[in-house]
Amino acid sequence: MKHKLLTLIVLLTTLHAIAQNGTVKVSLIDSNKEPLVGAQLKLTSLTDSSIFFFQTTDLNGNGGFVNIPKGLFQLTTGMIK
């Protein structure tokens, strides 16, 4: 019985790990090491070119995405000055 319970716990842990989505954290600075406030971050699917996430950086130049599904993506940044 102990062996079956351990196997079940390992299987449930593995299934939970497989089902987890990813996270991307970004910190943008300029050549003077100043944060890029309000820079655009775009995460695009490489399979069908659809935009999955769009975000802007905060006052510290930080931004990112959470709960990203499994797949291949391209991260594009942009800034209008």
PDB file of N, CA and C in Angstrom:
ATOM      1  N   MET A   1       0.823  -1.188   0.000  1.00  0.00           N
ATOM      2  CA  MET A   1       0.000   0.000   0.000  1.00  0.00           C
ATOM      3  C   MET A   1       0.873   1.260   0.000  1.00  0.00           C
ATOM      4  N   LYS A   2       1.965   1.236   0.768  1.00  0.00           N
ATOM      5  CA  LYS A   2       2.865   2.375   0.848  1.00  0.00           C
ATOM      6  C   LYS A   2       3.478   2.680  -0.518  1.00  0.00           C
ATOM      7  N   HIS A   3       3.840   1.628  -1.257  1.00  0.00           N
ATOM      8  CA  HIS A   3       4.449   1.790  -2.574  1.00  0.00           C
ATOM      9  C   HIS A   3       3.449   2.403  -3.565  1.00  0.00           C
ATOM     10  N   LYS A   4       2.188   1.986  -3.513  1.00  0.00           N
ATOM     11  CA  LYS A   4       1.158   2.525  -4.411  1.00  0.00           C
ATOM     12  C   LYS A   4       0.896   3.995  -4.118  1.00  0.00           C
ATOM     13  N   LEU A   5       0.903   4.376  -2.845  1.00  0.00           N
ATOM     14  CA  LEU A   5       0.676   5.765  -2.468  1.00  0.00           C
ATOM     15  C   LEU A   5       1.828   6.642  -2.950  1.00  0.00           C
ATOM     16  N   LEU A   6       3.056   6.175  -2.813  1.00  0.00           N
ATOM     17  CA  LEU A   6       4.221   6.914  -3.275  1.00  0.00           C
ATOM     18  C   LEU A   6       4.168   7.083  -4.794  1.00  0.00           C
ATOM     19  N   THR A   7       3.795   6.038  -5.511  1.00  0.00           N
ATOM     20  CA  THR A   7       3.673   6.111  -6.967  1.00  0.00           C
ATOM     21  C   THR A   7       2.618   7.131  -7.367  1.00  0.00           C
ATOM     22  N   LEU A   8       1.495   7.154  -6.691  1.00  0.00           N
ATOM     23  CA  LEU A   8       0.423   8.098  -6.979  1.00  0.00           C
ATOM     24  C   LEU A   8       0.881   9.535  -6.733  1.00  0.00           C
ATOM     25  N   ILE A   9       1.602   9.757  -5.637  1.00  0.00           N
ATOM     26  CA  ILE A   9       2.104  11.101  -5.329  1.00  0.00           C
ATOM     27  C   ILE A   9       3.086  11.555  -6.402  1.00  0.00           C
ATOM     28  N   VAL A  10       3.983  10.683  -6.844  1.00  0.00           N
ATOM     29  CA  VAL A  10       4.954  11.021  -7.886  1.00  0.00           C
ATOM     30  C   VAL A  10       4.232  11.337  -9.196  1.00  0.00           C
ATOM     31  N   LEU A  11       3.234  10.538  -9.563  1.00  0.00           N
ATOM     32  CA  LEU A  11       2.477  10.779 -10.791  1.00  0.00           C
ATOM     33  C   LEU A  11       1.729  12.107 -10.724  1.00  0.00           C
ATOM     34  N   LEU A  12       1.098  12.405  -9.616  1.00  0.00           N
ATOM     35  CA  LEU A  12       0.365  13.665  -9.481  1.00  0.00           C
ATOM     36  C   LEU A  12       1.313  14.863  -9.530  1.00  0.00           C
ATOM     37  N   THR A  13       2.472  14.729  -8.910  1.00  0.00           N
ATOM     38  CA  THR A  13       3.465  15.800  -8.946  1.00  0.00           C
ATOM     39  C   THR A  13       3.962  16.014 -10.371  1.00  0.00           C
ATOM     40  N   THR A  14       4.207  14.939 -11.105  1.00  0.00           N
ATOM     41  CA  THR A  14       4.666  15.031 -12.484  1.00  0.00           C
ATOM     42  C   THR A  14       3.605  15.680 -13.358  1.00  0.00           C
ATOM     43  N   LEU A  15       2.353  15.277 -13.214  1.00  0.00           N
ATOM     44  CA  LEU A  15       1.276  15.867 -14.001  1.00  0.00           C
ATOM     45  C   LEU A  15       1.121  17.347 -13.699  1.00  0.00           C
ATOM     46  N   HIS A  16       1.269  17.728 -12.448  1.00  0.00           N
ATOM     47  CA  HIS A  16       1.171  19.130 -12.070  1.00  0.00           C
ATOM     48  C   HIS A  16       2.313  19.931 -12.698  1.00  0.00           C
ATOM     49  N   ALA A  17       3.516  19.386 -12.722  1.00  0.00           N
ATOM     50  CA  ALA A  17       4.669  20.079 -13.296  1.00  0.00           C
ATOM     51  C   ALA A  17       4.518  20.234 -14.804  1.00  0.00           C
ATOM     52  N   ILE A  18       3.958  19.231 -15.477  1.00  0.00           N
ATOM     53  CA  ILE A  18       3.767  19.302 -16.925  1.00  0.00           C
ATOM     54  C   ILE A  18       2.732  20.371 -17.272  1.00  0.00           C
ATOM     55  N   ALA A  19       1.714  20.522 -16.457  1.00  0.00           N
ATOM     56  CA  ALA A  19       0.618  21.433 -16.749  1.00  0.00           C
ATOM     57  C   ALA A  19       0.950  22.895 -16.449  1.00  0.00           C
ATOM     58  N   GLN A  20       2.074  23.157 -15.801  1.00  0.00           N
ATOM     59  CA  GLN A  20       2.403  24.529 -15.425  1.00  0.00           C
ATOM     60  C   GLN A  20       2.765  25.367 -16.646  1.00  0.00           C
ATOM     61  N   ASN A  21       2.386  26.641 -16.613  1.00  0.00           N
ATOM     62  CA  ASN A  21       2.726  27.579 -17.668  1.00  0.00           C
ATOM     63  C   ASN A  21       3.955  28.371 -17.265  1.00  0.00           C
ATOM     64  N   GLY A  22       4.536  29.058 -18.242  1.00  0.00           N
ATOM     65  CA  GLY A  22       5.791  29.750 -18.007  1.00  0.00           C
ATOM     66  C   GLY A  22       5.653  31.219 -17.661  1.00  0.00           C
ATOM     67  N   THR A  23       6.778  31.813 -17.296  1.00  0.00           N
ATOM     68  CA  THR A  23       6.883  33.222 -16.934  1.00  0.00           C
ATOM     69  C   THR A  23       8.106  33.818 -17.617  1.00  0.00           C
ATOM     70  N   VAL A  24       7.971  35.062 -18.084  1.00  0.00           N
ATOM     71  CA  VAL A  24       9.101  35.798 -18.653  1.00  0.00           C
ATOM     72  C   VAL A  24       9.211  37.119 -17.899  1.00  0.00           C
ATOM     73  N   LYS A  25      10.408  37.422 -17.408  1.00  0.00           N
ATOM     74  CA  LYS A  25      10.657  38.700 -16.735  1.00  0.00           C
ATOM     75  C   LYS A  25      11.685  39.473 -17.557  1.00  0.00           C
ATOM     76  N   VAL A  26      11.432  40.782 -17.734  1.00  0.00           N
ATOM     77  CA  VAL A  26      12.287  41.619 -18.569  1.00  0.00           C
ATOM     78  C   VAL A  26      12.667  42.876 -17.791  1.00  0.00           C
ATOM     79  N   SER A  27      13.926  43.282 -17.917  1.00  0.00           N
ATOM     80  CA  SER A  27      14.398  44.541 -17.345  1.00  0.00           C
ATOM     81  C   SER A  27      15.166  45.260 -18.446  1.00  0.00           C
ATOM     82  N   LEU A  28      14.665  46.434 -18.859  1.00  0.00           N
ATOM     83  CA  LEU A  28      15.279  47.163 -19.966  1.00  0.00           C
ATOM     84  C   LEU A  28      15.952  48.433 -19.462  1.00  0.00           C
ATOM     85  N   ILE A  29      17.215  48.636 -19.909  1.00  0.00           N
ATOM     86  CA  ILE A  29      17.960  49.853 -19.582  1.00  0.00           C
ATOM     87  C   ILE A  29      18.579  50.394 -20.869  1.00  0.00           C
ATOM     88  N   ASP A  30      18.887  51.705 -20.883  1.00  0.00           N
ATOM     89  CA  ASP A  30      19.549  52.294 -22.040  1.00  0.00           C
ATOM     90  C   ASP A  30      21.072  52.230 -21.873  1.00  0.00           C
ATOM     91  N   SER A  31      21.786  52.861 -22.792  1.00  0.00           N
ATOM     92  CA  SER A  31      23.256  52.799 -22.752  1.00  0.00           C
ATOM     93  C   SER A  31      23.843  53.518 -21.538  1.00  0.00           C
ATOM     94  N   ASN A  32      23.055  54.393 -20.911  1.00  0.00           N
ATOM     95  CA  ASN A  32      23.497  55.081 -19.692  1.00  0.00           C
ATOM     96  C   ASN A  32      23.059  54.349 -18.428  1.00  0.00           C
ATOM     97  N   LYS A  33      22.535  53.156 -18.599  1.00  0.00           N
ATOM     98  CA  LYS A  33      22.035  52.299 -17.525  1.00  0.00           C
ATOM     99  C   LYS A  33      20.818  52.896 -16.806  1.00  0.00           C
ATOM    100  N   GLU A  34      20.061  53.727 -17.534  1.00  0.00           N
ATOM    101  CA  GLU A  34      18.808  54.279 -17.028  1.00  0.00           C
ATOM    102  C   GLU A  34      17.665  53.373 -17.463  1.00  0.00           C
ATOM    103  N   PRO A  35      16.650  53.169 -16.627  1.00  0.00           N
ATOM    104  CA  PRO A  35      15.537  52.300 -17.001  1.00  0.00           C
ATOM    105  C   PRO A  35      14.730  52.878 -18.162  1.00  0.00           C
ATOM    106  N   LEU A  36      14.270  52.004 -19.047  1.00  0.00           N
ATOM    107  CA  LEU A  36      13.420  52.415 -20.156  1.00  0.00           C
ATOM    108  C   LEU A  36      11.970  52.307 -19.703  1.00  0.00           C
ATOM    109  N   VAL A  37      11.412  53.427 -19.309  1.00  0.00           N
ATOM    110  CA  VAL A  37      10.046  53.493 -18.785  1.00  0.00           C
ATOM    111  C   VAL A  37       9.066  53.532 -19.956  1.00  0.00           C
ATOM    112  N   GLY A  38       8.050  52.692 -19.905  1.00  0.00           N
ATOM    113  CA  GLY A  38       7.004  52.682 -20.928  1.00  0.00           C
ATOM    114  C   GLY A  38       7.380  51.989 -22.219  1.00  0.00           C
ATOM    115  N   ALA A  39       8.462  51.211 -22.222  1.00  0.00           N
ATOM    116  CA  ALA A  39       8.831  50.451 -23.421  1.00  0.00           C
ATOM    117  C   ALA A  39       7.785  49.367 -23.670  1.00  0.00           C
ATOM    118  N   GLN A  40       7.526  49.092 -24.925  1.00  0.00           N
ATOM    119  CA  GLN A  40       6.537  48.080 -25.289  1.00  0.00           C
ATOM    120  C   GLN A  40       7.180  46.705 -25.362  1.00  0.00           C
ATOM    121  N   LEU A  41       6.489  45.727 -24.794  1.00  0.00           N
ATOM    122  CA  LEU A  41       6.914  44.331 -24.849  1.00  0.00           C
ATOM    123  C   LEU A  41       5.798  43.543 -25.529  1.00  0.00           C
ATOM    124  N   LYS A  42       6.148  42.807 -26.559  1.00  0.00           N
ATOM    125  CA  LYS A  42       5.143  42.030 -27.282  1.00  0.00           C
ATOM    126  C   LYS A  42       5.634  40.589 -27.405  1.00  0.00           C
ATOM    127  N   LEU A  43       4.792  39.649 -27.007  1.00  0.00           N
ATOM    128  CA  LEU A  43       5.113  38.233 -27.099  1.00  0.00           C
ATOM    129  C   LEU A  43       4.224  37.633 -28.184  1.00  0.00           C
ATOM    130  N   THR A  44       4.855  37.162 -29.262  1.00  0.00           N
ATOM    131  CA  THR A  44       4.136  36.671 -30.429  1.00  0.00           C
ATOM    132  C   THR A  44       4.396  35.184 -30.622  1.00  0.00           C
ATOM    133  N   SER A  45       3.353  34.451 -30.955  1.00  0.00           N
ATOM    134  CA  SER A  45       3.478  33.025 -31.237  1.00  0.00           C
ATOM    135  C   SER A  45       4.227  32.832 -32.548  1.00  0.00           C
ATOM    136  N   LEU A  46       5.210  31.932 -32.574  1.00  0.00           N
ATOM    137  CA  LEU A  46       5.938  31.639 -33.802  1.00  0.00           C
ATOM    138  C   LEU A  46       5.167  30.693 -34.717  1.00  0.00           C
ATOM    139  N   THR A  47       4.184  30.011 -34.166  1.00  0.00           N
ATOM    140  CA  THR A  47       3.433  29.059 -34.995  1.00  0.00           C
ATOM    141  C   THR A  47       2.405  29.746 -35.890  1.00  0.00           C
ATOM    142  N   ASP A  48       1.728  30.798 -35.401  1.00  0.00           N
ATOM    143  CA  ASP A  48       0.700  31.452 -36.224  1.00  0.00           C
ATOM    144  C   ASP A  48       0.777  32.978 -36.199  1.00  0.00           C
ATOM    145  N   SER A  49       1.850  33.530 -35.651  1.00  0.00           N
ATOM    146  CA  SER A  49       2.103  34.981 -35.602  1.00  0.00           C
ATOM    147  C   SER A  49       1.062  35.777 -34.817  1.00  0.00           C
ATOM    148  N   SER A  50       0.246  35.123 -34.017  1.00  0.00           N
ATOM    149  CA  SER A  50      -0.720  35.862 -33.209  1.00  0.00           C
ATOM    150  C   SER A  50      -0.025  36.462 -31.990  1.00  0.00           C
ATOM    151  N   ILE A  51      -0.488  37.639 -31.577  1.00  0.00           N
ATOM    152  CA  ILE A  51       0.067  38.293 -30.396  1.00  0.00           C
ATOM    153  C   ILE A  51      -0.582  37.673 -29.168  1.00  0.00           C
ATOM    154  N   PHE A  52       0.239  37.047 -28.324  1.00  0.00           N
ATOM    155  CA  PHE A  52      -0.278  36.417 -27.116  1.00  0.00           C
ATOM    156  C   PHE A  52      -0.370  37.406 -25.968  1.00  0.00           C
ATOM    157  N   PHE A  53       0.648  38.252 -25.834  1.00  0.00           N
ATOM    158  CA  PHE A  53       0.696  39.174 -24.710  1.00  0.00           C
ATOM    159  C   PHE A  53       1.286  40.506 -25.170  1.00  0.00           C
ATOM    160  N   PHE A  54       0.806  41.575 -24.573  1.00  0.00           N
ATOM    161  CA  PHE A  54       1.338  42.913 -24.828  1.00  0.00           C
ATOM    162  C   PHE A  54       1.441  43.607 -23.475  1.00  0.00           C
ATOM    163  N   GLN A  55       2.558  44.268 -23.223  1.00  0.00           N
ATOM    164  CA  GLN A  55       2.816  44.856 -21.906  1.00  0.00           C
ATOM    165  C   GLN A  55       3.743  46.056 -22.088  1.00  0.00           C
ATOM    166  N   THR A  56       3.738  46.969 -21.141  1.00  0.00           N
ATOM    167  CA  THR A  56       4.713  48.057 -21.117  1.00  0.00           C
ATOM    168  C   THR A  56       5.516  47.964 -19.820  1.00  0.00           C
ATOM    169  N   THR A  57       6.739  48.482 -19.873  1.00  0.00           N
ATOM    170  CA  THR A  57       7.597  48.433 -18.685  1.00  0.00           C
ATOM    171  C   THR A  57       7.164  49.484 -17.663  1.00  0.00           C
ATOM    172  N   ASP A  58       7.487  49.228 -16.407  1.00  0.00           N
ATOM    173  CA  ASP A  58       7.120  50.132 -15.313  1.00  0.00           C
ATOM    174  C   ASP A  58       8.186  51.224 -15.129  1.00  0.00           C
ATOM    175  N   LEU A  59       8.100  51.957 -14.030  1.00  0.00           N
ATOM    176  CA  LEU A  59       9.028  53.068 -13.759  1.00  0.00           C
ATOM    177  C   LEU A  59      10.476  52.621 -13.570  1.00  0.00           C
ATOM    178  N   ASN A  60      10.672  51.336 -13.308  1.00  0.00           N
ATOM    179  CA  ASN A  60      12.020  50.791 -13.137  1.00  0.00           C
ATOM    180  C   ASN A  60      12.517  50.071 -14.386  1.00  0.00           C
ATOM    181  N   GLY A  61      11.740  50.126 -15.467  1.00  0.00           N
ATOM    182  CA  GLY A  61      12.110  49.438 -16.705  1.00  0.00           C
ATOM    183  C   GLY A  61      11.807  47.959 -16.684  1.00  0.00           C
ATOM    184  N   ASN A  62      11.014  47.506 -15.701  1.00  0.00           N
ATOM    185  CA  ASN A  62      10.691  46.087 -15.568  1.00  0.00           C
ATOM    186  C   ASN A  62       9.329  45.773 -16.166  1.00  0.00           C
ATOM    187  N   GLY A  63       9.211  44.596 -16.698  1.00  0.00           N
ATOM    188  CA  GLY A  63       7.946  44.120 -17.235  1.00  0.00           C
ATOM    189  C   GLY A  63       8.025  42.623 -17.397  1.00  0.00           C
ATOM    190  N   GLY A  64       6.979  42.051 -17.902  1.00  0.00           N
ATOM    191  CA  GLY A  64       7.021  40.623 -18.129  1.00  0.00           C
ATOM    192  C   GLY A  64       5.650  40.035 -18.333  1.00  0.00           C
ATOM    193  N   PHE A  65       5.637  38.739 -18.453  1.00  0.00           N
ATOM    194  CA  PHE A  65       4.419  38.001 -18.744  1.00  0.00           C
ATOM    195  C   PHE A  65       4.343  36.778 -17.834  1.00  0.00           C
ATOM    196  N   VAL A  66       3.149  36.439 -17.416  1.00  0.00           N
ATOM    197  CA  VAL A  66       2.934  35.242 -16.600  1.00  0.00           C
ATOM    198  C   VAL A  66       1.897  34.368 -17.281  1.00  0.00           C
ATOM    199  N   ASN A  67       1.871  33.124 -16.878  1.00  0.00           N
ATOM    200  CA  ASN A  67       0.880  32.167 -17.362  1.00  0.00           C
ATOM    201  C   ASN A  67       0.984  31.954 -18.870  1.00  0.00           C
ATOM    202  N   ILE A  68       2.206  31.859 -19.388  1.00  0.00           N
ATOM    203  CA  ILE A  68       2.436  31.654 -20.814  1.00  0.00           C
ATOM    204  C   ILE A  68       2.281  30.167 -21.123  1.00  0.00           C
ATOM    205  N   PRO A  69       1.431  29.832 -22.097  1.00  0.00           N
ATOM    206  CA  PRO A  69       1.266  28.422 -22.438  1.00  0.00           C
ATOM    207  C   PRO A  69       2.513  27.862 -23.122  1.00  0.00           C
ATOM    208  N   LYS A  70       2.618  26.546 -23.148  1.00  0.00           N
ATOM    209  CA  LYS A  70       3.744  25.884 -23.783  1.00  0.00           C
ATOM    210  C   LYS A  70       3.747  26.213 -25.274  1.00  0.00           C
ATOM    211  N   GLY A  71       4.904  26.522 -25.828  1.00  0.00           N
ATOM    212  CA  GLY A  71       5.012  26.832 -27.250  1.00  0.00           C
ATOM    213  C   GLY A  71       6.256  27.644 -27.544  1.00  0.00           C
ATOM    214  N   LEU A  72       6.392  28.055 -28.797  1.00  0.00           N
ATOM    215  CA  LEU A  72       7.520  28.870 -29.237  1.00  0.00           C
ATOM    216  C   LEU A  72       7.030  30.296 -29.447  1.00  0.00           C
ATOM    217  N   PHE A  73       7.761  31.258 -28.877  1.00  0.00           N
ATOM    218  CA  PHE A  73       7.352  32.657 -28.927  1.00  0.00           C
ATOM    219  C   PHE A  73       8.528  33.543 -29.280  1.00  0.00           C
ATOM    220  N   GLN A  74       8.221  34.722 -29.809  1.00  0.00           N
ATOM    221  CA  GLN A  74       9.222  35.747 -30.081  1.00  0.00           C
ATOM    222  C   GLN A  74       8.899  36.955 -29.207  1.00  0.00           C
ATOM    223  N   LEU A  75       9.912  37.470 -28.509  1.00  0.00           N
ATOM    224  CA  LEU A  75       9.764  38.659 -27.686  1.00  0.00           C
ATOM    225  C   LEU A  75      10.309  39.853 -28.476  1.00  0.00           C
ATOM    226  N   THR A  76       9.462  40.865 -28.658  1.00  0.00           N
ATOM    227  CA  THR A  76       9.847  42.078 -29.379  1.00  0.00           C
ATOM    228  C   THR A  76       9.695  43.259 -28.424  1.00  0.00           C
ATOM    229  N   THR A  77      10.687  44.150 -28.441  1.00  0.00           N
ATOM    230  CA  THR A  77      10.607  45.355 -27.607  1.00  0.00           C
ATOM    231  C   THR A  77      10.647  46.577 -28.511  1.00  0.00           C
ATOM    232  N   GLY A  78      10.050  47.660 -28.048  1.00  0.00           N
ATOM    233  CA  GLY A  78      10.048  48.897 -28.809  1.00  0.00           C
ATOM    234  C   GLY A  78       9.893  50.080 -27.881  1.00  0.00           C
ATOM    235  N   MET A  79      10.368  51.245 -28.347  1.00  0.00           N
ATOM    236  CA  MET A  79      10.295  52.446 -27.513  1.00  0.00           C
ATOM    237  C   MET A  79      10.189  53.641 -28.436  1.00  0.00           C
ATOM    238  N   ILE A  80       9.237  54.521 -28.149  1.00  0.00           N
ATOM    239  CA  ILE A  80       9.087  55.767 -28.891  1.00  0.00           C
ATOM    240  C   ILE A  80       9.620  56.881 -28.008  1.00  0.00           C
ATOM    241  N   LYS A  81      10.584  57.637 -28.503  1.00  0.00           N
ATOM    242  CA  LYS A  81      11.160  58.735 -27.726  1.00  0.00           C
ATOM    243  C   LYS A  81      10.827  60.041 -28.357  1.00  0.00           C
TER     244      LYS A  81
END
